[in-house]
Amino acid sequence: MFLFENVKYLLRHNKVSTFKQIYSFLKQQTHQLENKILNAFDYAMPKNEND
């Protein structure tokens, strides 16, 4: 399992091209890749960074 933090902001960086490059590289390295934006608050983490 691989987990990115602050993907919401990474998607804004350089008009998404940074995220696309990282995603493409990881996809070449693995058999299955899925991306989602999650809120840590939904998983019992102590703070909600989306506020």
N, C-alpha and C. Protein backbone atom coordinates (compact mmCIF):
# COMPACT_ATOMS: atom_id res chain seq x y z
N MET A 1 0.84 -1.17 0.00
CA MET A 1 0.00 0.00 0.00
C MET A 1 0.89 1.24 0.00
N PHE A 2 0.47 2.21 -0.75
CA PHE A 2 1.18 3.49 -0.83
C PHE A 2 0.15 4.59 -0.61
N LEU A 3 0.46 5.53 0.25
CA LEU A 3 -0.49 6.59 0.59
C LEU A 3 0.17 7.95 0.43
N PHE A 4 -0.46 8.82 -0.33
CA PHE A 4 -0.01 10.20 -0.47
C PHE A 4 -0.77 11.08 0.50
N GLU A 5 -0.10 12.06 1.06
CA GLU A 5 -0.79 13.08 1.84
C GLU A 5 -0.86 14.35 1.00
N ASN A 6 -1.84 15.16 1.30
CA ASN A 6 -2.03 16.45 0.63
C ASN A 6 -2.20 16.33 -0.89
N VAL A 7 -2.87 15.29 -1.32
CA VAL A 7 -3.13 15.10 -2.75
C VAL A 7 -3.96 16.26 -3.30
N LYS A 8 -4.86 16.76 -2.48
CA LYS A 8 -5.70 17.87 -2.90
C LYS A 8 -4.85 19.04 -3.41
N TYR A 9 -3.75 19.30 -2.73
CA TYR A 9 -2.87 20.40 -3.13
C TYR A 9 -1.92 19.97 -4.25
N LEU A 10 -1.55 18.72 -4.25
CA LEU A 10 -0.69 18.21 -5.32
C LEU A 10 -1.40 18.30 -6.66
N LEU A 11 -2.71 18.11 -6.65
CA LEU A 11 -3.50 18.21 -7.88
C LEU A 11 -3.51 19.64 -8.43
N ARG A 12 -3.32 20.60 -7.56
CA ARG A 12 -3.31 22.01 -7.99
C ARG A 12 -1.94 22.44 -8.49
N HIS A 13 -0.91 21.71 -8.09
CA HIS A 13 0.46 22.10 -8.44
C HIS A 13 0.73 21.88 -9.92
N ASN A 14 1.25 22.86 -10.58
CA ASN A 14 1.69 22.74 -11.97
C ASN A 14 0.59 22.19 -12.89
N LYS A 15 -0.62 22.67 -12.68
CA LYS A 15 -1.78 22.27 -13.51
C LYS A 15 -1.93 20.75 -13.61
N VAL A 16 -1.77 20.06 -12.52
CA VAL A 16 -1.97 18.61 -12.37
C VAL A 16 -0.84 17.78 -12.97
N SER A 17 0.07 18.36 -13.70
CA SER A 17 1.09 17.54 -14.37
C SER A 17 2.00 16.80 -13.38
N THR A 18 2.26 17.39 -12.22
CA THR A 18 3.09 16.71 -11.22
C THR A 18 2.41 15.42 -10.77
N PHE A 19 1.12 15.52 -10.45
CA PHE A 19 0.38 14.33 -10.03
C PHE A 19 0.35 13.29 -11.14
N LYS A 20 0.12 13.71 -12.37
CA LYS A 20 0.06 12.77 -13.50
C LYS A 20 1.39 12.05 -13.69
N GLN A 21 2.49 12.75 -13.52
CA GLN A 21 3.81 12.12 -13.65
C GLN A 21 4.03 11.08 -12.56
N ILE A 22 3.69 11.43 -11.34
CA ILE A 22 3.86 10.49 -10.22
C ILE A 22 2.94 9.28 -10.42
N TYR A 23 1.68 9.54 -10.78
CA TYR A 23 0.71 8.46 -11.00
C TYR A 23 1.18 7.52 -12.10
N SER A 24 1.66 8.08 -13.19
CA SER A 24 2.15 7.28 -14.31
C SER A 24 3.33 6.40 -13.89
N PHE A 25 4.25 6.98 -13.15
CA PHE A 25 5.41 6.22 -12.68
C PHE A 25 4.97 5.07 -11.77
N LEU A 26 4.09 5.35 -10.82
CA LEU A 26 3.62 4.30 -9.90
C LEU A 26 2.84 3.23 -10.64
N LYS A 27 2.07 3.61 -11.63
CA LYS A 27 1.29 2.64 -12.40
C LYS A 27 2.20 1.67 -13.13
N GLN A 28 3.35 2.13 -13.59
CA GLN A 28 4.32 1.26 -14.25
C GLN A 28 4.96 0.28 -13.26
N GLN A 29 4.97 0.65 -11.98
CA GLN A 29 5.66 -0.15 -10.97
C GLN A 29 4.75 -1.17 -10.28
N THR A 30 3.47 -1.10 -10.50
CA THR A 30 2.53 -1.94 -9.76
C THR A 30 1.47 -2.55 -10.68
N HIS A 31 0.81 -3.58 -10.20
CA HIS A 31 -0.24 -4.23 -10.98
C HIS A 31 -1.58 -3.51 -10.84
N GLN A 32 -1.78 -2.86 -9.71
CA GLN A 32 -3.07 -2.22 -9.46
C GLN A 32 -2.82 -0.88 -8.78
N LEU A 33 -3.50 0.13 -9.26
CA LEU A 33 -3.35 1.46 -8.70
C LEU A 33 -4.71 2.14 -8.68
N GLU A 34 -5.02 2.75 -7.56
CA GLU A 34 -6.30 3.43 -7.41
C GLU A 34 -6.05 4.76 -6.72
N ASN A 35 -6.73 5.80 -7.15
CA ASN A 35 -6.56 7.08 -6.47
C ASN A 35 -7.90 7.59 -5.97
N LYS A 36 -7.87 8.12 -4.75
CA LYS A 36 -9.04 8.70 -4.11
C LYS A 36 -8.57 9.84 -3.22
N ILE A 37 -9.42 10.82 -3.04
CA ILE A 37 -9.14 11.85 -2.06
C ILE A 37 -9.97 11.51 -0.83
N LEU A 38 -9.27 11.28 0.28
CA LEU A 38 -9.91 10.89 1.53
C LEU A 38 -9.77 12.01 2.55
N ASN A 39 -10.64 12.01 3.51
CA ASN A 39 -10.57 12.94 4.62
C ASN A 39 -10.15 12.15 5.86
N ALA A 40 -9.00 12.47 6.44
CA ALA A 40 -8.47 11.74 7.60
C ALA A 40 -9.48 11.72 8.75
N PHE A 41 -10.29 12.74 8.86
CA PHE A 41 -11.30 12.82 9.91
C PHE A 41 -12.26 11.63 9.85
N ASP A 42 -12.54 11.13 8.65
CA ASP A 42 -13.43 9.98 8.47
C ASP A 42 -12.81 8.68 8.96
N TYR A 43 -11.52 8.69 9.24
CA TYR A 43 -10.81 7.49 9.68
C TYR A 43 -10.25 7.66 11.08
N ALA A 44 -10.95 8.41 11.91
CA ALA A 44 -10.63 8.62 13.32
C ALA A 44 -9.29 9.32 13.54
N MET A 45 -8.88 10.14 12.61
CA MET A 45 -7.68 10.94 12.80
C MET A 45 -8.07 12.19 13.60
N PRO A 46 -7.13 12.74 14.35
CA PRO A 46 -7.48 13.80 15.29
C PRO A 46 -7.88 15.15 14.70
N LYS A 47 -7.58 15.41 13.43
CA LYS A 47 -7.96 16.72 12.91
C LYS A 47 -8.51 16.63 11.49
N ASN A 48 -9.35 17.58 11.18
CA ASN A 48 -9.98 17.65 9.87
C ASN A 48 -9.29 18.75 9.09
N GLU A 49 -8.44 18.39 8.14
CA GLU A 49 -7.67 19.38 7.40
C GLU A 49 -8.43 19.96 6.22
N ASN A 50 -9.64 19.50 5.98
CA ASN A 50 -10.43 20.02 4.87
C ASN A 50 -11.21 21.27 5.26
N ASP A 51 -11.18 21.63 6.52
CA ASP A 51 -11.90 22.83 6.97
C ASP A 51 -11.05 24.06 6.81
